Amino acid sequence: MYLSILLINVGTDPDRPRPGRLWLRNLYHVHQRLCMAFPSASRVSDDVDFLKPFKPEDFGSKQVHVARGTDAGFLFRIDPRPGGRVVILVQSAVKPNWDYAFRNADYLLAAPPEVKPFKPHFKPNQRLRFRVLANPVRKVSRNSLDTKGERLDKRWIGKDVPVPTADLTKWLERRAEPGWSVPKNSDGKQSPPGFRLVEITEIQGGYVYIKKTSDKNAGRRVRSALYEGILEVTNADHFLNTLVGGIGPGKAFGFGLLSVARA
C-alpha cells in the first residue's frame, strides 16, 4: 500500500482567487480528482497531456468503487493543519499517479505530492493513538426510536439517519471490541475489528455539504465526526483489515480513513 500527502493551495489573500479552497468545498469534485490518479494505461498513452474531457471509464480500473483491500481501492481524508494549511491524506492499494491527476489542475496544489510505501505491522496489546473522520449514521427499522423515545416516521424506515451528538461515543464503541457487532447496513462479510477503545480524547461533531450537480437545491448535509484517542490492538490481522477497509460508510466523501501512531 501507499500513503500520499497532498498540500492544497488554499491561498492567503481573501481578495485573490483561491481555487484550492473552493475545490475543497465540493467533496464530490475532490473524490473525482483523486480518482484521476488511477488512470488506465490506454488513457495515459492516448492523452499524455490530459487534454481530453474526463471520462469515468478511463480512470479507477479496479481501484474506484470497489471493496477496499491490500490490492484495490483507496481512502482519503481532508486534514486542516496549523497556520491555515490543509492537506489531503490518501491511503491507496497501488501507487497513485498524482502527476497525471493534477496535470491540468496543478494550481490546486501548493507543493509536489509526497508518496511513500505503507506496510504497517501490528501486534496484540499494542496501544496506538488514532484519528478517524467518520460518517456516523444508523439504519432505521420499524422499532427505531428518536432522541425523545418516540417512534420515527415510517418514511425513514430502511434509510440512514444521522446519529445524535449524545450517541457519537456509542457509535464508535459499537465498531470496537468487545461489544462489536456487524452494522445492519453491512454486507455481513465484515471481520472483527481487531481493536478495543482505551480512551476517546476528543470528538468534533458536525456536518459536511455534498453536491454533485450545479443545481443549488441538489446538495445535502452529511453527518460527520472527528474522533481522536487511544486504542489497543486485540488481533493484528483483523486490525490490519480494519485499517485497510476503513470505518463506517461514506468513504467516497473522505470518511473512514483510520490514522494510527505510537501512543
C-alpha atoms as a PDB file:
ATOM      1  CA  MET A   1       0.000   0.000   0.000  1.00  0.00           C
ATOM      2  CA  TYR A   2       0.922   3.676  -0.244  1.00  0.00           C
ATOM      3  CA  LEU A   3       0.340   6.858   1.756  1.00  0.00           C
ATOM      4  CA  SER A   4       0.179  10.200  -0.039  1.00  0.00           C
ATOM      5  CA  ILE A   5       0.159  13.719   1.372  1.00  0.00           C
ATOM      6  CA  LEU A   6      -1.258  16.469  -0.833  1.00  0.00           C
ATOM      7  CA  LEU A   7      -0.687  20.028   0.378  1.00  0.00           C
ATOM      8  CA  ILE A   8      -3.553  22.096  -1.026  1.00  0.00           C
ATOM      9  CA  ASN A   9      -3.176  25.674  -2.255  1.00  0.00           C
ATOM     10  CA  VAL A  10      -5.852  27.378  -0.140  1.00  0.00           C
ATOM     11  CA  GLY A  11      -4.342  30.832  -0.610  1.00  0.00           C
ATOM     12  CA  THR A  12      -3.655  33.515   1.982  1.00  0.00           C
ATOM     13  CA  ASP A  13      -5.171  36.626   0.425  1.00  0.00           C
ATOM     14  CA  PRO A  14      -9.014  36.658   0.541  1.00  0.00           C
ATOM     15  CA  ASP A  15      -9.056  39.273  -2.245  1.00  0.00           C
ATOM     16  CA  ARG A  16      -7.365  36.930  -4.708  1.00  0.00           C
ATOM     17  CA  PRO A  17      -8.682  33.752  -6.375  1.00  0.00           C
ATOM     18  CA  ARG A  18      -8.400  30.719  -4.135  1.00  0.00           C
ATOM     19  CA  PRO A  19      -9.335  27.756  -6.371  1.00  0.00           C
ATOM     20  CA  GLY A  20      -7.957  25.193  -3.938  1.00  0.00           C
ATOM     21  CA  ARG A  21     -10.221  26.412  -1.159  1.00  0.00           C
ATOM     22  CA  LEU A  22     -13.250  26.400  -3.470  1.00  0.00           C
ATOM     23  CA  TRP A  23     -12.377  22.891  -4.691  1.00  0.00           C
ATOM     24  CA  LEU A  24     -12.310  21.518  -1.140  1.00  0.00           C
ATOM     25  CA  ARG A  25     -15.856  22.737  -0.571  1.00  0.00           C
ATOM     26  CA  ASN A  26     -17.206  20.173  -3.016  1.00  0.00           C
ATOM     27  CA  LEU A  27     -16.314  16.673  -1.808  1.00  0.00           C
ATOM     28  CA  TYR A  28     -17.745  15.136  -4.955  1.00  0.00           C
ATOM     29  CA  HIS A  29     -15.198  17.055  -7.055  1.00  0.00           C
ATOM     30  CA  VAL A  30     -12.401  16.181  -4.621  1.00  0.00           C
ATOM     31  CA  HIS A  31     -13.132  12.468  -4.916  1.00  0.00           C
ATOM     32  CA  GLN A  32     -13.382  12.736  -8.705  1.00  0.00           C
ATOM     33  CA  ARG A  33      -9.948  14.385  -8.939  1.00  0.00           C
ATOM     34  CA  LEU A  34      -8.369  11.784  -6.636  1.00  0.00           C
ATOM     35  CA  CYS A  35      -9.798   9.020  -8.835  1.00  0.00           C
ATOM     36  CA  MET A  36      -7.833  10.531 -11.717  1.00  0.00           C
ATOM     37  CA  ALA A  37      -4.636   9.329 -10.030  1.00  0.00           C
ATOM     38  CA  PHE A  38      -5.530   5.827 -11.189  1.00  0.00           C
ATOM     39  CA  PRO A  39      -5.829   6.180 -14.986  1.00  0.00           C
ATOM     40  CA  SER A  40      -5.967   3.251 -17.349  1.00  0.00           C
ATOM     41  CA  ALA A  41      -2.815   2.588 -19.363  1.00  0.00           C
ATOM     42  CA  SER A  42      -4.665   3.409 -22.575  1.00  0.00           C
ATOM     43  CA  ARG A  43      -5.784   6.783 -21.216  1.00  0.00           C
ATOM     44  CA  VAL A  44      -2.238   7.804 -20.354  1.00  0.00           C
ATOM     45  CA  SER A  45      -0.820   6.685 -23.688  1.00  0.00           C
ATOM     46  CA  ASP A  46      -3.612   8.255 -25.766  1.00  0.00           C
ATOM     47  CA  ASP A  47      -3.758  11.549 -23.851  1.00  0.00           C
ATOM     48  CA  VAL A  48      -0.319  12.247 -22.388  1.00  0.00           C
ATOM     49  CA  ASP A  49      -1.080  15.877 -21.516  1.00  0.00           C
ATOM     50  CA  PHE A  50      -4.588  15.203 -20.122  1.00  0.00           C
ATOM     51  CA  LEU A  51      -6.297  17.436 -22.678  1.00  0.00           C
ATOM     52  CA  LYS A  52      -9.318  15.271 -23.449  1.00  0.00           C
ATOM     53  CA  PRO A  53     -12.543  15.542 -21.394  1.00  0.00           C
ATOM     54  CA  PHE A  54     -12.837  13.415 -18.271  1.00  0.00           C
ATOM     55  CA  LYS A  55     -14.461  10.022 -18.814  1.00  0.00           C
ATOM     56  CA  PRO A  56     -15.173   7.922 -15.701  1.00  0.00           C
ATOM     57  CA  GLU A  57     -14.418   4.697 -17.552  1.00  0.00           C
ATOM     58  CA  ASP A  58     -10.837   5.883 -18.206  1.00  0.00           C
ATOM     59  CA  PHE A  59      -9.994   6.091 -14.521  1.00  0.00           C
ATOM     60  CA  GLY A  60     -10.028   3.870 -11.486  1.00  0.00           C
ATOM     61  CA  SER A  61      -9.810   0.447 -13.088  1.00  0.00           C
ATOM     62  CA  LYS A  62     -10.072  -1.942 -10.094  1.00  0.00           C
ATOM     63  CA  GLN A  63      -9.302   0.982  -7.758  1.00  0.00           C
ATOM     64  CA  VAL A  64     -12.517   3.012  -7.605  1.00  0.00           C
ATOM     65  CA  HIS A  65     -15.951   1.955  -6.343  1.00  0.00           C
ATOM     66  CA  VAL A  66     -14.575  -1.382  -5.186  1.00  0.00           C
ATOM     67  CA  ALA A  67     -14.163  -3.051  -1.810  1.00  0.00           C
ATOM     68  CA  ARG A  68     -11.037  -1.651  -0.185  1.00  0.00           C
ATOM     69  CA  GLY A  69      -8.247  -4.173   0.257  1.00  0.00           C
ATOM     70  CA  THR A  70      -4.484  -4.517   0.073  1.00  0.00           C
ATOM     71  CA  ASP A  71      -4.735  -4.744  -3.726  1.00  0.00           C
ATOM     72  CA  ALA A  72      -7.652  -2.437  -4.565  1.00  0.00           C
ATOM     73  CA  GLY A  73      -9.250   0.846  -3.590  1.00  0.00           C
ATOM     74  CA  PHE A  74      -8.261   3.972  -1.695  1.00  0.00           C
ATOM     75  CA  LEU A  75      -9.340   6.055   1.288  1.00  0.00           C
ATOM     76  CA  PHE A  76      -8.787   9.757   1.887  1.00  0.00           C
ATOM     77  CA  ARG A  77      -9.300  12.465   4.485  1.00  0.00           C
ATOM     78  CA  ILE A  78      -9.075  16.247   4.334  1.00  0.00           C
ATOM     79  CA  ASP A  79      -6.970  17.398   7.313  1.00  0.00           C
ATOM     80  CA  PRO A  80      -6.693  21.049   8.429  1.00  0.00           C
ATOM     81  CA  ARG A  81      -3.210  21.848   9.750  1.00  0.00           C
ATOM     82  CA  PRO A  82      -1.767  24.688  11.888  1.00  0.00           C
ATOM     83  CA  GLY A  83      -1.335  28.028  10.165  1.00  0.00           C
ATOM     84  CA  GLY A  84      -4.396  27.603   7.965  1.00  0.00           C
ATOM     85  CA  ARG A  85      -2.827  24.906   5.821  1.00  0.00           C
ATOM     86  CA  VAL A  86      -4.833  21.946   4.529  1.00  0.00           C
ATOM     87  CA  VAL A  87      -3.600  18.555   3.394  1.00  0.00           C
ATOM     88  CA  ILE A  88      -5.357  15.553   1.894  1.00  0.00           C
ATOM     89  CA  LEU A  89      -4.175  12.170   3.143  1.00  0.00           C
ATOM     90  CA  VAL A  90      -4.665   9.288   0.721  1.00  0.00           C
ATOM     91  CA  GLN A  91      -4.170   5.615   1.566  1.00  0.00           C
ATOM     92  CA  SER A  92      -4.166   3.534  -1.613  1.00  0.00           C
ATOM     93  CA  ALA A  93      -3.581  -0.074  -2.563  1.00  0.00           C
ATOM     94  CA  VAL A  94      -1.406   0.834  -5.558  1.00  0.00           C
ATOM     95  CA  LYS A  95       0.910   3.752  -6.232  1.00  0.00           C
ATOM     96  CA  PRO A  96      -1.108   6.742  -7.496  1.00  0.00           C
ATOM     97  CA  ASN A  97      -0.127   8.842 -10.483  1.00  0.00           C
ATOM     98  CA  TRP A  98      -0.550  12.328  -8.998  1.00  0.00           C
ATOM     99  CA  ASP A  99       1.396  13.951 -11.797  1.00  0.00           C
ATOM    100  CA  TYR A 100      -1.283  12.860 -14.256  1.00  0.00           C
ATOM    101  CA  ALA A 101      -4.202  13.553 -11.909  1.00  0.00           C
ATOM    102  CA  PHE A 102      -3.215  17.209 -11.464  1.00  0.00           C
ATOM    103  CA  ARG A 103      -1.591  17.810 -14.846  1.00  0.00           C
ATOM    104  CA  ASN A 104      -4.457  20.042 -15.940  1.00  0.00           C
ATOM    105  CA  ALA A 105      -5.050  21.463 -12.446  1.00  0.00           C
ATOM    106  CA  ASP A 106      -1.662  21.894 -10.753  1.00  0.00           C
ATOM    107  CA  TYR A 107      -2.839  25.232  -9.332  1.00  0.00           C
ATOM    108  CA  LEU A 108      -4.784  23.230  -6.720  1.00  0.00           C
ATOM    109  CA  LEU A 109      -1.536  22.072  -5.094  1.00  0.00           C
ATOM    110  CA  ALA A 110       0.858  24.142  -3.002  1.00  0.00           C
ATOM    111  CA  ALA A 111       3.699  21.611  -3.284  1.00  0.00           C
ATOM    112  CA  PRO A 112       4.528  18.362  -5.097  1.00  0.00           C
ATOM    113  CA  PRO A 113       2.667  15.391  -3.556  1.00  0.00           C
ATOM    114  CA  GLU A 114       4.574  13.196  -1.115  1.00  0.00           C
ATOM    115  CA  VAL A 115       4.182   9.451  -1.664  1.00  0.00           C
ATOM    116  CA  LYS A 116       5.683   6.675   0.428  1.00  0.00           C
ATOM    117  CA  PRO A 117       5.162   2.908   0.731  1.00  0.00           C
ATOM    118  CA  PHE A 118       2.928   1.880   3.617  1.00  0.00           C
ATOM    119  CA  LYS A 119       3.469  -1.561   5.147  1.00  0.00           C
ATOM    120  CA  PRO A 120       2.057  -1.454   8.683  1.00  0.00           C
ATOM    121  CA  HIS A 121       2.681  -4.255  11.164  1.00  0.00           C
ATOM    122  CA  PHE A 122       0.821  -4.673  14.425  1.00  0.00           C
ATOM    123  CA  LYS A 123       0.941  -6.940  17.441  1.00  0.00           C
ATOM    124  CA  PRO A 124      -1.599  -7.841  20.139  1.00  0.00           C
ATOM    125  CA  ASN A 125      -1.805  -5.485  23.149  1.00  0.00           C
ATOM    126  CA  GLN A 126      -0.099  -2.700  21.176  1.00  0.00           C
ATOM    127  CA  ARG A 127      -1.506   0.719  22.051  1.00  0.00           C
ATOM    128  CA  LEU A 128      -1.850   3.371  19.359  1.00  0.00           C
ATOM    129  CA  ARG A 129      -3.083   6.919  19.051  1.00  0.00           C
ATOM    130  CA  PHE A 130      -5.803   7.149  16.408  1.00  0.00           C
ATOM    131  CA  ARG A 131      -7.720   9.677  14.367  1.00  0.00           C
ATOM    132  CA  VAL A 132     -10.678   8.968  12.116  1.00  0.00           C
ATOM    133  CA  LEU A 133     -13.227  11.219  10.428  1.00  0.00           C
ATOM    134  CA  ALA A 134     -16.403   9.143  10.331  1.00  0.00           C
ATOM    135  CA  ASN A 135     -19.923   9.375   8.939  1.00  0.00           C
ATOM    136  CA  PRO A 136     -21.953   8.257  11.988  1.00  0.00           C
ATOM    137  CA  VAL A 137     -25.357   7.104  10.779  1.00  0.00           C
ATOM    138  CA  ARG A 138     -27.755   4.358  11.770  1.00  0.00           C
ATOM    139  CA  LYS A 139     -30.211   2.345   9.747  1.00  0.00           C
ATOM    140  CA  VAL A 140     -33.825   2.973  10.771  1.00  0.00           C
ATOM    141  CA  SER A 141     -36.032  -0.048  11.463  1.00  0.00           C
ATOM    142  CA  ARG A 142     -39.716  -0.271  12.369  1.00  0.00           C
ATOM    143  CA  ASN A 143     -38.760  -0.280  16.045  1.00  0.00           C
ATOM    144  CA  SER A 144     -36.274   2.609  15.945  1.00  0.00           C
ATOM    145  CA  LEU A 145     -36.864   5.490  18.356  1.00  0.00           C
ATOM    146  CA  ASP A 146     -35.815   9.122  18.193  1.00  0.00           C
ATOM    147  CA  THR A 147     -33.996  11.042  20.945  1.00  0.00           C
ATOM    148  CA  LYS A 148     -37.319  11.568  22.765  1.00  0.00           C
ATOM    149  CA  GLY A 149     -38.090   7.840  22.805  1.00  0.00           C
ATOM    150  CA  GLU A 150     -40.783   8.116  20.141  1.00  0.00           C
ATOM    151  CA  ARG A 151     -41.052   6.004  17.000  1.00  0.00           C
ATOM    152  CA  LEU A 152     -39.584   7.549  13.883  1.00  0.00           C
ATOM    153  CA  ASP A 153     -41.829   8.356  10.954  1.00  0.00           C
ATOM    154  CA  LYS A 154     -42.296   5.333   8.680  1.00  0.00           C
ATOM    155  CA  ARG A 155     -40.862   7.295   5.729  1.00  0.00           C
ATOM    156  CA  TRP A 156     -37.414   6.842   7.332  1.00  0.00           C
ATOM    157  CA  ILE A 157     -37.618   3.040   7.593  1.00  0.00           C
ATOM    158  CA  GLY A 158     -34.690   1.413   5.781  1.00  0.00           C
ATOM    159  CA  LYS A 159     -32.790   4.689   5.473  1.00  0.00           C
ATOM    160  CA  ASP A 160     -29.674   6.005   7.187  1.00  0.00           C
ATOM    161  CA  VAL A 161     -30.201   8.875   9.619  1.00  0.00           C
ATOM    162  CA  PRO A 162     -27.552  10.957  11.440  1.00  0.00           C
ATOM    163  CA  VAL A 163     -26.527   9.763  14.892  1.00  0.00           C
ATOM    164  CA  PRO A 164     -27.376  12.347  17.605  1.00  0.00           C
ATOM    165  CA  THR A 165     -24.465  14.076  19.317  1.00  0.00           C
ATOM    166  CA  ALA A 166     -25.189  12.233  22.575  1.00  0.00           C
ATOM    167  CA  ASP A 167     -24.697   8.884  20.806  1.00  0.00           C
ATOM    168  CA  LEU A 168     -21.458   9.624  18.922  1.00  0.00           C
ATOM    169  CA  THR A 169     -19.344   7.787  21.503  1.00  0.00           C
ATOM    170  CA  LYS A 170     -21.654   4.791  21.400  1.00  0.00           C
ATOM    171  CA  TRP A 171     -21.448   4.692  17.584  1.00  0.00           C
ATOM    172  CA  LEU A 172     -17.666   4.222  17.633  1.00  0.00           C
ATOM    173  CA  GLU A 173     -17.802   1.806  20.569  1.00  0.00           C
ATOM    174  CA  ARG A 174     -20.098  -0.419  18.507  1.00  0.00           C
ATOM    175  CA  ARG A 175     -17.324  -0.740  15.945  1.00  0.00           C
ATOM    176  CA  ALA A 176     -14.757  -1.884  18.500  1.00  0.00           C
ATOM    177  CA  GLU A 177     -14.432  -4.913  20.752  1.00  0.00           C
ATOM    178  CA  PRO A 178     -15.707  -6.448  22.959  1.00  0.00           C
ATOM    179  CA  GLY A 179     -19.208  -5.249  22.099  1.00  0.00           C
ATOM    180  CA  TRP A 180     -18.671  -5.318  18.349  1.00  0.00           C
ATOM    181  CA  SER A 181     -21.454  -6.374  16.007  1.00  0.00           C
ATOM    182  CA  VAL A 182     -21.785  -6.109  12.240  1.00  0.00           C
ATOM    183  CA  PRO A 183     -23.803  -2.952  11.441  1.00  0.00           C
ATOM    184  CA  LYS A 184     -27.147  -3.688   9.819  1.00  0.00           C
ATOM    185  CA  ASN A 185     -26.159  -1.782   6.694  1.00  0.00           C
ATOM    186  CA  SER A 186     -23.090  -4.024   6.232  1.00  0.00           C
ATOM    187  CA  ASP A 187     -22.908  -6.910   3.767  1.00  0.00           C
ATOM    188  CA  GLY A 188     -22.306  -9.289   6.668  1.00  0.00           C
ATOM    189  CA  LYS A 189     -18.827 -10.255   5.433  1.00  0.00           C
ATOM    190  CA  GLN A 190     -17.020  -7.922   7.783  1.00  0.00           C
ATOM    191  CA  SER A 191     -14.353  -9.459  10.032  1.00  0.00           C
ATOM    192  CA  PRO A 192     -13.983  -8.493  13.714  1.00  0.00           C
ATOM    193  CA  PRO A 193     -12.305  -5.085  14.118  1.00  0.00           C
ATOM    194  CA  GLY A 194      -9.269  -6.377  15.979  1.00  0.00           C
ATOM    195  CA  PHE A 195      -9.106  -3.484  18.459  1.00  0.00           C
ATOM    196  CA  ARG A 196     -10.681  -2.115  21.592  1.00  0.00           C
ATOM    197  CA  LEU A 197     -11.056   1.512  22.589  1.00  0.00           C
ATOM    198  CA  VAL A 198      -8.920   2.566  25.542  1.00  0.00           C
ATOM    199  CA  GLU A 199      -9.935   6.210  25.516  1.00  0.00           C
ATOM    200  CA  ILE A 200     -11.679   8.701  23.280  1.00  0.00           C
ATOM    201  CA  THR A 201      -9.966  12.009  23.980  1.00  0.00           C
ATOM    202  CA  GLU A 202     -11.893  14.212  21.558  1.00  0.00           C
ATOM    203  CA  ILE A 203     -14.996  14.175  19.382  1.00  0.00           C
ATOM    204  CA  GLN A 204     -15.793  17.010  16.982  1.00  0.00           C
ATOM    205  CA  GLY A 205     -19.282  16.501  15.618  1.00  0.00           C
ATOM    206  CA  GLY A 206     -20.632  18.391  12.641  1.00  0.00           C
ATOM    207  CA  TYR A 207     -21.886  18.174   9.073  1.00  0.00           C
ATOM    208  CA  VAL A 208     -20.357  18.458   5.623  1.00  0.00           C
ATOM    209  CA  TYR A 209     -22.105  19.547   2.454  1.00  0.00           C
ATOM    210  CA  ILE A 210     -22.119  17.309  -0.622  1.00  0.00           C
ATOM    211  CA  LYS A 211     -23.259  18.484  -4.025  1.00  0.00           C
ATOM    212  CA  LYS A 212     -22.974  16.559  -7.288  1.00  0.00           C
ATOM    213  CA  THR A 213     -24.605  18.998  -9.715  1.00  0.00           C
ATOM    214  CA  SER A 214     -24.849  22.737 -10.319  1.00  0.00           C
ATOM    215  CA  ASP A 215     -28.435  22.706  -9.043  1.00  0.00           C
ATOM    216  CA  LYS A 216     -28.315  24.715  -5.803  1.00  0.00           C
ATOM    217  CA  ASN A 217     -31.126  22.576  -4.380  1.00  0.00           C
ATOM    218  CA  ALA A 218     -29.449  19.258  -5.189  1.00  0.00           C
ATOM    219  CA  GLY A 219     -26.964  19.234  -2.308  1.00  0.00           C
ATOM    220  CA  ARG A 220     -27.333  17.517   1.055  1.00  0.00           C
ATOM    221  CA  ARG A 221     -25.817  17.711   4.512  1.00  0.00           C
ATOM    222  CA  VAL A 222     -23.949  14.635   5.715  1.00  0.00           C
ATOM    223  CA  ARG A 223     -23.194  13.843   9.352  1.00  0.00           C
ATOM    224  CA  SER A 224     -19.523  13.872  10.333  1.00  0.00           C
ATOM    225  CA  ALA A 225     -17.494  13.291  13.488  1.00  0.00           C
ATOM    226  CA  LEU A 226     -13.758  13.526  14.013  1.00  0.00           C
ATOM    227  CA  TYR A 227     -12.615  11.054  16.671  1.00  0.00           C
ATOM    228  CA  GLU A 228      -9.234  11.021  18.407  1.00  0.00           C
ATOM    229  CA  GLY A 229      -7.992   8.802  21.207  1.00  0.00           C
ATOM    230  CA  ILE A 230      -6.135   5.651  22.186  1.00  0.00           C
ATOM    231  CA  LEU A 231      -6.874   2.108  21.027  1.00  0.00           C
ATOM    232  CA  GLU A 232      -5.380  -1.293  21.776  1.00  0.00           C
ATOM    233  CA  VAL A 233      -4.840  -3.977  19.154  1.00  0.00           C
ATOM    234  CA  THR A 234      -6.503  -7.281  20.074  1.00  0.00           C
ATOM    235  CA  ASN A 235      -5.844  -9.152  16.824  1.00  0.00           C
ATOM    236  CA  ALA A 236      -3.153  -7.951  14.416  1.00  0.00           C
ATOM    237  CA  ASP A 237      -4.639  -9.493  11.246  1.00  0.00           C
ATOM    238  CA  HIS A 238      -8.157  -8.289  11.950  1.00  0.00           C
ATOM    239  CA  PHE A 239      -6.921  -4.803  12.814  1.00  0.00           C
ATOM    240  CA  LEU A 240      -4.993  -4.604   9.546  1.00  0.00           C
ATOM    241  CA  ASN A 241      -8.233  -5.452   7.726  1.00  0.00           C
ATOM    242  CA  THR A 242      -9.948  -2.618   9.586  1.00  0.00           C
ATOM    243  CA  LEU A 243      -7.170  -0.188   8.699  1.00  0.00           C
ATOM    244  CA  VAL A 244      -7.302  -1.153   5.032  1.00  0.00           C
ATOM    245  CA  GLY A 245     -11.085  -1.176   4.742  1.00  0.00           C
ATOM    246  CA  GLY A 246     -11.816   1.921   6.805  1.00  0.00           C
ATOM    247  CA  ILE A 247     -14.538   2.539   9.380  1.00  0.00           C
ATOM    248  CA  GLY A 248     -18.163   3.294   8.633  1.00  0.00           C
ATOM    249  CA  PRO A 249     -19.911   4.477   5.439  1.00  0.00           C
ATOM    250  CA  GLY A 250     -19.314   7.482   3.185  1.00  0.00           C
ATOM    251  CA  LYS A 251     -15.771   6.562   2.144  1.00  0.00           C
ATOM    252  CA  ALA A 252     -16.152   8.208  -1.274  1.00  0.00           C
ATOM    253  CA  PHE A 253     -16.566  11.536   0.528  1.00  0.00           C
ATOM    254  CA  GLY A 254     -13.499  11.406   2.760  1.00  0.00           C
ATOM    255  CA  PHE A 255     -14.803   9.333   5.664  1.00  0.00           C
ATOM    256  CA  GLY A 256     -13.381   6.187   7.249  1.00  0.00           C
ATOM    257  CA  LEU A 257      -9.602   6.587   6.944  1.00  0.00           C
ATOM    258  CA  LEU A 258      -8.118   5.409  10.263  1.00  0.00           C
ATOM    259  CA  SER A 259      -4.748   7.005  11.032  1.00  0.00           C
ATOM    260  CA  VAL A 260      -2.632   5.496  13.831  1.00  0.00           C
ATOM    261  CA  ALA A 261       0.667   6.318  15.521  1.00  0.00           C
ATOM    262  CA  ARG A 262       2.587   5.180  18.583  1.00  0.00           C
ATOM    263  CA  ALA A 263       0.826   6.039  21.798  1.00  0.00           C
END
